[in-house]
Amino acid sequence: MAFPPGSLSVSPCRSELLLVSLPGVGDVTAPAHNLLRPPLVELLWGKETPAPSAEPPRESPMSVLEPLKARVAAVRPRNLAPHGYRRAAVLVPLFELQGAAHVLLTRRTELVEHHKGQIAFPGGGEEPGDADLRATALRETHEEIGLPPDAVDVWGRLDEVETVVSGFAITPFVGAIPGVGSLRANPNEIAEIITVPLERFMRPGALRVERVVRDGRPHEVLFYDCPPHVVWGVTARILHSLVTVIGLSPAPEASP
């Protein structure tokens, strides 16, 4: 325990000694150099309390993904009317690169059963062992590109969409991933992992809409030109839903 300030008296005794008057102890002499050793300094004067830093701790800069996360989390997604489609789920993975939000897409191989060679989000059909559709999206993503489920911060989901030709009802989940450096495409399913700045999908002219007739009924097919790739169909619809939710969607250009 240190003695209270002002209770000590230190005076020179000889050139190499100091006389110290300690309360309740009396006068003692000690070599001057010993008084500078840490244990005795602490005994006499107490431990010094470091002065508070003049600058408050700096807060980490907000990630560019934080505002997007808040908007996705606020979505109240809609489901399709009762249907006989097979249920499926995809993950819309977002990550930050050089201060900008990017989205991950894949190009499917010619070996898969559905959507051969198309640009798509990682995902697939629901399996009996899946706890829910979120689990489906994470399981399929892990199988296709090697992304562990616990590496994904799932923010929420978008509207359920259907693929009329292949007969799926797809639930898209949006989430943040740490990056793409450690990902590995499953060569049986994925020919290429593609990353694109999210901003590209909001540029004027990025979105095109073509009107087609299928089974006697008119349909709108969405396209995003993303050279050298073209994103179309259900993947383009999911992208359009995402950029609309986060407030980046431009007006589409209709094809004649």
C-alpha atoms as a PDB file:
ATOM      1  CA  MET A   1       0.000   0.000   0.000  1.00  0.00           C
ATOM      2  CA  ALA A   2       1.365   3.452  -0.857  1.00  0.00           C
ATOM      3  CA  PHE A   3       1.703   6.152   1.789  1.00  0.00           C
ATOM      4  CA  PRO A   4      -0.650   9.123   1.395  1.00  0.00           C
ATOM      5  CA  PRO A   5       0.759  12.084  -0.517  1.00  0.00           C
ATOM      6  CA  GLY A   6       2.439  14.621   1.808  1.00  0.00           C
ATOM      7  CA  SER A   7       3.069  12.037   4.539  1.00  0.00           C
ATOM      8  CA  LEU A   8       6.647  11.327   3.441  1.00  0.00           C
ATOM      9  CA  SER A   9       9.714  13.420   4.071  1.00  0.00           C
ATOM     10  CA  VAL A  10      12.792  12.771   1.961  1.00  0.00           C
ATOM     11  CA  SER A  11      16.025  14.701   2.594  1.00  0.00           C
ATOM     12  CA  PRO A  12      19.665  14.135   1.626  1.00  0.00           C
ATOM     13  CA  CYS A  13      21.711  12.375   4.270  1.00  0.00           C
ATOM     14  CA  ARG A  14      24.963  11.824   2.414  1.00  0.00           C
ATOM     15  CA  SER A  15      25.807  12.160  -1.240  1.00  0.00           C
ATOM     16  CA  GLU A  16      24.872   8.544  -1.875  1.00  0.00           C
ATOM     17  CA  LEU A  17      22.111   8.200   0.793  1.00  0.00           C
ATOM     18  CA  LEU A  18      18.689   9.692   1.381  1.00  0.00           C
ATOM     19  CA  LEU A  19      16.924   9.984   4.734  1.00  0.00           C
ATOM     20  CA  VAL A  20      13.256   9.000   4.454  1.00  0.00           C
ATOM     21  CA  SER A  21      10.749   9.661   7.258  1.00  0.00           C
ATOM     22  CA  LEU A  22       7.982   7.062   7.094  1.00  0.00           C
ATOM     23  CA  PRO A  23       4.711   7.525   9.061  1.00  0.00           C
ATOM     24  CA  GLY A  24       4.560   5.084  11.944  1.00  0.00           C
ATOM     25  CA  VAL A  25       8.028   3.776  11.120  1.00  0.00           C
ATOM     26  CA  GLY A  26      10.457   6.586  11.683  1.00  0.00           C
ATOM     27  CA  ASP A  27      13.558   7.674   9.835  1.00  0.00           C
ATOM     28  CA  VAL A  28      15.304   5.223   7.540  1.00  0.00           C
ATOM     29  CA  THR A  29      18.201   5.667   5.193  1.00  0.00           C
ATOM     30  CA  ALA A  30      18.467   4.070   1.790  1.00  0.00           C
ATOM     31  CA  PRO A  31      20.801   4.335  -1.182  1.00  0.00           C
ATOM     32  CA  ALA A  32      19.467   6.947  -3.516  1.00  0.00           C
ATOM     33  CA  HIS A  33      19.518   4.620  -6.516  1.00  0.00           C
ATOM     34  CA  ASN A  34      17.288   2.097  -4.685  1.00  0.00           C
ATOM     35  CA  LEU A  35      14.532   4.661  -4.371  1.00  0.00           C
ATOM     36  CA  LEU A  36      14.223   4.642  -8.135  1.00  0.00           C
ATOM     37  CA  ARG A  37      13.569   0.906  -8.363  1.00  0.00           C
ATOM     38  CA  PRO A  38       9.954   0.118  -9.271  1.00  0.00           C
ATOM     39  CA  PRO A  39       8.951  -1.817  -6.107  1.00  0.00           C
ATOM     40  CA  LEU A  40      10.116   0.959  -3.788  1.00  0.00           C
ATOM     41  CA  VAL A  41       8.779   3.701  -6.004  1.00  0.00           C
ATOM     42  CA  GLU A  42       5.367   2.005  -5.908  1.00  0.00           C
ATOM     43  CA  LEU A  43       5.583   1.611  -2.133  1.00  0.00           C
ATOM     44  CA  LEU A  44       6.436   5.249  -1.577  1.00  0.00           C
ATOM     45  CA  TRP A  45       4.444   7.016  -4.207  1.00  0.00           C
ATOM     46  CA  GLY A  46       1.895   4.447  -5.442  1.00  0.00           C
ATOM     47  CA  LYS A  47       1.386   3.215  -8.988  1.00  0.00           C
ATOM     48  CA  GLU A  48       0.888   5.906 -11.542  1.00  0.00           C
ATOM     49  CA  THR A  49      -2.463   5.944 -13.291  1.00  0.00           C
ATOM     50  CA  PRO A  50      -1.987   6.379 -17.023  1.00  0.00           C
ATOM     51  CA  ALA A  51      -3.397   9.638 -18.252  1.00  0.00           C
ATOM     52  CA  PRO A  52      -6.548   9.201 -20.322  1.00  0.00           C
ATOM     53  CA  SER A  53      -5.998   9.369 -24.013  1.00  0.00           C
ATOM     54  CA  ALA A  54      -6.605  12.805 -25.451  1.00  0.00           C
ATOM     55  CA  GLU A  55      -8.391  11.284 -28.439  1.00  0.00           C
ATOM     56  CA  PRO A  56     -11.521   9.152 -28.002  1.00  0.00           C
ATOM     57  CA  PRO A  57     -11.329   5.707 -29.624  1.00  0.00           C
ATOM     58  CA  ARG A  58     -12.145   5.869 -33.282  1.00  0.00           C
ATOM     59  CA  GLU A  59     -15.246   4.077 -34.472  1.00  0.00           C
ATOM     60  CA  SER A  60     -14.875   1.630 -37.334  1.00  0.00           C
ATOM     61  CA  PRO A  61     -16.231   3.073 -40.573  1.00  0.00           C
ATOM     62  CA  MET A  62     -19.655   1.779 -41.520  1.00  0.00           C
ATOM     63  CA  SER A  63     -19.580  -0.948 -44.121  1.00  0.00           C
ATOM     64  CA  VAL A  64     -21.243  -0.105 -47.421  1.00  0.00           C
ATOM     65  CA  LEU A  65     -23.375  -3.193 -46.832  1.00  0.00           C
ATOM     66  CA  GLU A  66     -24.998  -1.923 -43.619  1.00  0.00           C
ATOM     67  CA  PRO A  67     -27.661   0.284 -45.294  1.00  0.00           C
ATOM     68  CA  LEU A  68     -28.463  -2.559 -47.702  1.00  0.00           C
ATOM     69  CA  LYS A  69     -28.857  -5.003 -44.832  1.00  0.00           C
ATOM     70  CA  ALA A  70     -31.360  -2.735 -43.106  1.00  0.00           C
ATOM     71  CA  ARG A  71     -33.490  -2.429 -46.237  1.00  0.00           C
ATOM     72  CA  VAL A  72     -33.485  -6.152 -46.974  1.00  0.00           C
ATOM     73  CA  ALA A  73     -34.319  -6.981 -43.355  1.00  0.00           C
ATOM     74  CA  ALA A  74     -37.356  -4.680 -43.557  1.00  0.00           C
ATOM     75  CA  VAL A  75     -38.865  -6.519 -46.542  1.00  0.00           C
ATOM     76  CA  ARG A  76     -42.150  -8.344 -46.100  1.00  0.00           C
ATOM     77  CA  PRO A  77     -41.763 -10.973 -48.820  1.00  0.00           C
ATOM     78  CA  ARG A  78     -44.693 -12.326 -50.761  1.00  0.00           C
ATOM     79  CA  ASN A  79     -45.295 -15.946 -51.637  1.00  0.00           C
ATOM     80  CA  LEU A  80     -46.865 -17.274 -54.795  1.00  0.00           C
ATOM     81  CA  ALA A  81     -50.458 -18.409 -54.797  1.00  0.00           C
ATOM     82  CA  PRO A  82     -50.874 -22.132 -54.054  1.00  0.00           C
ATOM     83  CA  HIS A  83     -49.107 -24.073 -56.781  1.00  0.00           C
ATOM     84  CA  GLY A  84     -47.749 -27.450 -57.749  1.00  0.00           C
ATOM     85  CA  TYR A  85     -44.192 -26.335 -58.459  1.00  0.00           C
ATOM     86  CA  ARG A  86     -41.230 -27.980 -56.758  1.00  0.00           C
ATOM     87  CA  ARG A  87     -39.847 -25.750 -54.005  1.00  0.00           C
ATOM     88  CA  ALA A  88     -36.313 -24.430 -54.300  1.00  0.00           C
ATOM     89  CA  ALA A  89     -34.143 -21.708 -52.773  1.00  0.00           C
ATOM     90  CA  VAL A  90     -31.153 -19.641 -53.802  1.00  0.00           C
ATOM     91  CA  LEU A  91     -28.692 -17.416 -51.990  1.00  0.00           C
ATOM     92  CA  VAL A  92     -27.992 -13.893 -53.248  1.00  0.00           C
ATOM     93  CA  PRO A  93     -24.481 -13.405 -51.812  1.00  0.00           C
ATOM     94  CA  LEU A  94     -23.232  -9.847 -51.347  1.00  0.00           C
ATOM     95  CA  PHE A  95     -19.774  -8.781 -50.261  1.00  0.00           C
ATOM     96  CA  GLU A  96     -17.693  -5.640 -50.021  1.00  0.00           C
ATOM     97  CA  LEU A  97     -14.690  -5.118 -52.277  1.00  0.00           C
ATOM     98  CA  GLN A  98     -12.677  -1.888 -52.464  1.00  0.00           C
ATOM     99  CA  GLY A  99     -15.451   0.056 -50.762  1.00  0.00           C
ATOM    100  CA  ALA A 100     -18.225  -1.105 -53.089  1.00  0.00           C
ATOM    101  CA  ALA A 101     -20.963  -3.724 -52.785  1.00  0.00           C
ATOM    102  CA  HIS A 102     -20.577  -6.702 -55.118  1.00  0.00           C
ATOM    103  CA  VAL A 103     -22.865  -9.620 -55.915  1.00  0.00           C
ATOM    104  CA  LEU A 104     -21.812 -13.192 -56.624  1.00  0.00           C
ATOM    105  CA  LEU A 105     -23.310 -15.158 -59.508  1.00  0.00           C
ATOM    106  CA  THR A 106     -22.435 -18.468 -61.111  1.00  0.00           C
ATOM    107  CA  ARG A 107     -22.413 -19.872 -64.611  1.00  0.00           C
ATOM    108  CA  ARG A 108     -23.868 -23.350 -64.611  1.00  0.00           C
ATOM    109  CA  THR A 109     -22.228 -26.197 -66.483  1.00  0.00           C
ATOM    110  CA  GLU A 110     -23.773 -28.157 -69.317  1.00  0.00           C
ATOM    111  CA  LEU A 111     -23.862 -31.190 -67.016  1.00  0.00           C
ATOM    112  CA  VAL A 112     -26.673 -30.029 -64.731  1.00  0.00           C
ATOM    113  CA  GLU A 113     -30.256 -31.092 -65.263  1.00  0.00           C
ATOM    114  CA  HIS A 114     -31.817 -27.625 -65.301  1.00  0.00           C
ATOM    115  CA  HIS A 115     -30.756 -24.217 -66.653  1.00  0.00           C
ATOM    116  CA  LYS A 116     -27.669 -25.483 -68.453  1.00  0.00           C
ATOM    117  CA  GLY A 117     -25.050 -22.823 -69.115  1.00  0.00           C
ATOM    118  CA  GLN A 118     -27.137 -20.050 -67.605  1.00  0.00           C
ATOM    119  CA  ILE A 119     -26.080 -17.336 -65.156  1.00  0.00           C
ATOM    120  CA  ALA A 120     -27.672 -18.090 -61.805  1.00  0.00           C
ATOM    121  CA  PHE A 121     -27.412 -17.659 -58.083  1.00  0.00           C
ATOM    122  CA  PRO A 122     -26.138 -20.637 -56.079  1.00  0.00           C
ATOM    123  CA  GLY A 123     -29.035 -22.778 -54.937  1.00  0.00           C
ATOM    124  CA  GLY A 124     -31.273 -25.671 -55.836  1.00  0.00           C
ATOM    125  CA  GLY A 125     -34.206 -27.837 -54.966  1.00  0.00           C
ATOM    126  CA  GLU A 126     -35.439 -28.563 -51.461  1.00  0.00           C
ATOM    127  CA  GLU A 127     -34.393 -31.944 -50.043  1.00  0.00           C
ATOM    128  CA  PRO A 128     -36.187 -33.987 -47.354  1.00  0.00           C
ATOM    129  CA  GLY A 129     -33.367 -33.424 -44.843  1.00  0.00           C
ATOM    130  CA  ASP A 130     -33.520 -29.607 -45.082  1.00  0.00           C
ATOM    131  CA  ALA A 131     -34.913 -27.919 -41.987  1.00  0.00           C
ATOM    132  CA  ASP A 132     -36.392 -25.121 -44.128  1.00  0.00           C
ATOM    133  CA  LEU A 133     -35.785 -23.263 -47.372  1.00  0.00           C
ATOM    134  CA  ARG A 134     -33.060 -21.174 -45.813  1.00  0.00           C
ATOM    135  CA  ALA A 135     -31.233 -24.412 -45.043  1.00  0.00           C
ATOM    136  CA  THR A 136     -31.795 -25.458 -48.659  1.00  0.00           C
ATOM    137  CA  ALA A 137     -30.159 -22.288 -49.966  1.00  0.00           C
ATOM    138  CA  LEU A 138     -27.160 -22.613 -47.638  1.00  0.00           C
ATOM    139  CA  ARG A 139     -26.685 -26.332 -48.303  1.00  0.00           C
ATOM    140  CA  GLU A 140     -26.810 -25.905 -52.065  1.00  0.00           C
ATOM    141  CA  THR A 141     -24.450 -22.936 -51.917  1.00  0.00           C
ATOM    142  CA  HIS A 142     -21.956 -25.006 -49.944  1.00  0.00           C
ATOM    143  CA  GLU A 143     -22.217 -27.845 -52.444  1.00  0.00           C
ATOM    144  CA  GLU A 144     -21.812 -25.596 -55.470  1.00  0.00           C
ATOM    145  CA  ILE A 145     -19.103 -23.112 -54.450  1.00  0.00           C
ATOM    146  CA  GLY A 146     -17.721 -24.391 -51.142  1.00  0.00           C
ATOM    147  CA  LEU A 147     -19.088 -21.559 -48.968  1.00  0.00           C
ATOM    148  CA  PRO A 148     -19.703 -22.839 -45.403  1.00  0.00           C
ATOM    149  CA  PRO A 149     -23.215 -22.074 -44.127  1.00  0.00           C
ATOM    150  CA  ASP A 150     -21.852 -20.428 -40.969  1.00  0.00           C
ATOM    151  CA  ALA A 151     -19.913 -17.946 -43.131  1.00  0.00           C
ATOM    152  CA  VAL A 152     -23.153 -16.368 -44.378  1.00  0.00           C
ATOM    153  CA  ASP A 153     -24.950 -13.560 -42.555  1.00  0.00           C
ATOM    154  CA  VAL A 154     -28.482 -14.043 -43.869  1.00  0.00           C
ATOM    155  CA  TRP A 155     -30.323 -10.714 -43.883  1.00  0.00           C
ATOM    156  CA  GLY A 156     -33.731 -11.787 -45.094  1.00  0.00           C
ATOM    157  CA  ARG A 157     -35.572 -12.974 -48.176  1.00  0.00           C
ATOM    158  CA  LEU A 158     -37.227 -11.615 -51.277  1.00  0.00           C
ATOM    159  CA  ASP A 159     -40.481 -12.482 -53.021  1.00  0.00           C
ATOM    160  CA  GLU A 160     -40.957 -16.061 -54.129  1.00  0.00           C
ATOM    161  CA  VAL A 161     -40.685 -16.420 -57.923  1.00  0.00           C
ATOM    162  CA  GLU A 162     -41.542 -19.207 -60.330  1.00  0.00           C
ATOM    163  CA  THR A 163     -39.770 -20.747 -63.300  1.00  0.00           C
ATOM    164  CA  VAL A 164     -42.589 -21.862 -65.560  1.00  0.00           C
ATOM    165  CA  VAL A 165     -40.511 -23.977 -67.947  1.00  0.00           C
ATOM    166  CA  SER A 166     -38.563 -25.985 -65.337  1.00  0.00           C
ATOM    167  CA  GLY A 167     -41.373 -25.944 -62.774  1.00  0.00           C
ATOM    168  CA  PHE A 168     -39.701 -24.469 -59.665  1.00  0.00           C
ATOM    169  CA  ALA A 169     -40.946 -22.014 -57.077  1.00  0.00           C
ATOM    170  CA  ILE A 170     -37.805 -20.272 -55.858  1.00  0.00           C
ATOM    171  CA  THR A 171     -37.320 -18.443 -52.566  1.00  0.00           C
ATOM    172  CA  PRO A 172     -34.324 -16.051 -52.703  1.00  0.00           C
ATOM    173  CA  PHE A 173     -32.381 -15.356 -49.514  1.00  0.00           C
ATOM    174  CA  VAL A 174     -30.023 -12.375 -49.348  1.00  0.00           C
ATOM    175  CA  GLY A 175     -26.912 -12.398 -47.198  1.00  0.00           C
ATOM    176  CA  ALA A 176     -23.387 -11.098 -46.734  1.00  0.00           C
ATOM    177  CA  ILE A 177     -20.309 -13.246 -47.223  1.00  0.00           C
ATOM    178  CA  PRO A 178     -16.703 -12.493 -46.205  1.00  0.00           C
ATOM    179  CA  GLY A 179     -15.392 -12.534 -49.770  1.00  0.00           C
ATOM    180  CA  VAL A 180     -14.699 -14.943 -52.599  1.00  0.00           C
ATOM    181  CA  GLY A 181     -11.000 -15.739 -52.217  1.00  0.00           C
ATOM    182  CA  SER A 182     -11.480 -19.194 -50.694  1.00  0.00           C
ATOM    183  CA  LEU A 183     -14.417 -20.322 -52.832  1.00  0.00           C
ATOM    184  CA  ARG A 184     -14.098 -23.322 -55.128  1.00  0.00           C
ATOM    185  CA  ALA A 185     -16.604 -24.163 -57.846  1.00  0.00           C
ATOM    186  CA  ASN A 186     -17.936 -27.713 -57.989  1.00  0.00           C
ATOM    187  CA  PRO A 187     -16.920 -28.674 -61.556  1.00  0.00           C
ATOM    188  CA  ASN A 188     -19.955 -30.901 -61.973  1.00  0.00           C
ATOM    189  CA  GLU A 189     -22.339 -28.015 -61.428  1.00  0.00           C
ATOM    190  CA  ILE A 190     -20.540 -24.677 -61.722  1.00  0.00           C
ATOM    191  CA  ALA A 191     -18.400 -23.641 -64.689  1.00  0.00           C
ATOM    192  CA  GLU A 192     -17.512 -20.201 -63.330  1.00  0.00           C
ATOM    193  CA  ILE A 193     -17.905 -17.970 -60.273  1.00  0.00           C
ATOM    194  CA  ILE A 194     -18.749 -14.409 -61.341  1.00  0.00           C
ATOM    195  CA  THR A 195     -18.576 -11.258 -59.236  1.00  0.00           C
ATOM    196  CA  VAL A 196     -20.125  -7.981 -60.348  1.00  0.00           C
ATOM    197  CA  PRO A 197     -20.364  -4.557 -58.680  1.00  0.00           C
ATOM    198  CA  LEU A 198     -23.971  -4.125 -57.605  1.00  0.00           C
ATOM    199  CA  GLU A 199     -23.934  -0.627 -59.059  1.00  0.00           C
ATOM    200  CA  ARG A 200     -23.707  -2.064 -62.561  1.00  0.00           C
ATOM    201  CA  PHE A 201     -27.310  -3.249 -62.355  1.00  0.00           C
ATOM    202  CA  MET A 202     -28.570   0.293 -61.760  1.00  0.00           C
ATOM    203  CA  ARG A 203     -26.967   1.878 -64.790  1.00  0.00           C
ATOM    204  CA  PRO A 204     -29.295   3.308 -67.441  1.00  0.00           C
ATOM    205  CA  GLY A 205     -29.888   0.673 -70.066  1.00  0.00           C
ATOM    206  CA  ALA A 206     -28.660  -2.179 -67.878  1.00  0.00           C
ATOM    207  CA  LEU A 207     -32.154  -3.685 -67.653  1.00  0.00           C
ATOM    208  CA  ARG A 208     -34.056  -4.732 -70.765  1.00  0.00           C
ATOM    209  CA  VAL A 209     -37.529  -6.180 -70.983  1.00  0.00           C
ATOM    210  CA  GLU A 210     -38.657  -8.361 -73.860  1.00  0.00           C
ATOM    211  CA  ARG A 211     -42.243  -9.461 -74.340  1.00  0.00           C
ATOM    212  CA  VAL A 212     -42.817 -13.014 -75.471  1.00  0.00           C
ATOM    213  CA  VAL A 213     -45.864 -15.235 -75.892  1.00  0.00           C
ATOM    214  CA  ARG A 214     -45.779 -18.622 -74.202  1.00  0.00           C
ATOM    215  CA  ASP A 215     -48.681 -21.047 -74.254  1.00  0.00           C
ATOM    216  CA  GLY A 216     -50.806 -18.318 -75.776  1.00  0.00           C
ATOM    217  CA  ARG A 217     -50.128 -15.911 -72.923  1.00  0.00           C
ATOM    218  CA  PRO A 218     -47.862 -12.817 -72.964  1.00  0.00           C
ATOM    219  CA  HIS A 219     -44.878 -12.782 -70.623  1.00  0.00           C
ATOM    220  CA  GLU A 220     -42.188 -10.252 -69.830  1.00  0.00           C
ATOM    221  CA  VAL A 221     -38.619 -11.566 -69.790  1.00  0.00           C
ATOM    222  CA  LEU A 222     -35.990  -9.439 -68.020  1.00  0.00           C
ATOM    223  CA  PHE A 223     -32.383  -9.145 -69.156  1.00  0.00           C
ATOM    224  CA  TYR A 224     -29.327  -7.509 -67.606  1.00  0.00           C
ATOM    225  CA  ASP A 225     -26.435  -6.974 -69.972  1.00  0.00           C
ATOM    226  CA  CYS A 226     -23.279  -7.630 -68.003  1.00  0.00           C
ATOM    227  CA  PRO A 227     -20.556  -8.179 -70.611  1.00  0.00           C
ATOM    228  CA  PRO A 228     -19.414 -10.760 -71.394  1.00  0.00           C
ATOM    229  CA  HIS A 229     -22.459 -12.281 -69.722  1.00  0.00           C
ATOM    230  CA  VAL A 230     -26.192 -11.769 -70.046  1.00  0.00           C
ATOM    231  CA  VAL A 231     -28.314 -12.384 -66.974  1.00  0.00           C
ATOM    232  CA  TRP A 232     -31.894 -13.209 -67.859  1.00  0.00           C
ATOM    233  CA  GLY A 233     -35.010 -15.040 -66.756  1.00  0.00           C
ATOM    234  CA  VAL A 234     -35.622 -15.785 -63.096  1.00  0.00           C
ATOM    235  CA  THR A 235     -32.122 -14.668 -62.053  1.00  0.00           C
ATOM    236  CA  ALA A 236     -32.721 -11.264 -63.644  1.00  0.00           C
ATOM    237  CA  ARG A 237     -36.067 -11.038 -61.861  1.00  0.00           C
ATOM    238  CA  ILE A 238     -34.417 -11.750 -58.512  1.00  0.00           C
ATOM    239  CA  LEU A 239     -31.752  -9.136 -59.229  1.00  0.00           C
ATOM    240  CA  HIS A 240     -34.414  -6.632 -60.192  1.00  0.00           C
ATOM    241  CA  SER A 241     -36.266  -7.370 -56.958  1.00  0.00           C
ATOM    242  CA  LEU A 242     -33.063  -6.826 -54.977  1.00  0.00           C
ATOM    243  CA  VAL A 243     -32.090  -3.512 -56.558  1.00  0.00           C
ATOM    244  CA  THR A 244     -35.674  -2.315 -56.200  1.00  0.00           C
ATOM    245  CA  VAL A 245     -35.661  -3.142 -52.487  1.00  0.00           C
ATOM    246  CA  ILE A 246     -32.395  -1.322 -51.875  1.00  0.00           C
ATOM    247  CA  GLY A 247     -33.452   1.629 -54.011  1.00  0.00           C
ATOM    248  CA  LEU A 248     -31.100   1.219 -56.965  1.00  0.00           C
ATOM    249  CA  SER A 249     -33.454   0.106 -59.702  1.00  0.00           C
ATOM    250  CA  PRO A 250     -33.547   2.224 -62.913  1.00  0.00           C
ATOM    251  CA  ALA A 251     -36.474   2.316 -65.271  1.00  0.00           C
ATOM    252  CA  PRO A 252     -36.321  -0.662 -67.647  1.00  0.00           C
ATOM    253  CA  GLU A 253     -35.890  -0.264 -71.375  1.00  0.00           C
ATOM    254  CA  ALA A 254     -38.574  -2.074 -73.312  1.00  0.00           C
ATOM    255  CA  SER A 255     -37.568  -3.878 -76.473  1.00  0.00           C
ATOM    256  CA  PRO A 256     -39.817  -3.410 -79.507  1.00  0.00           C
END
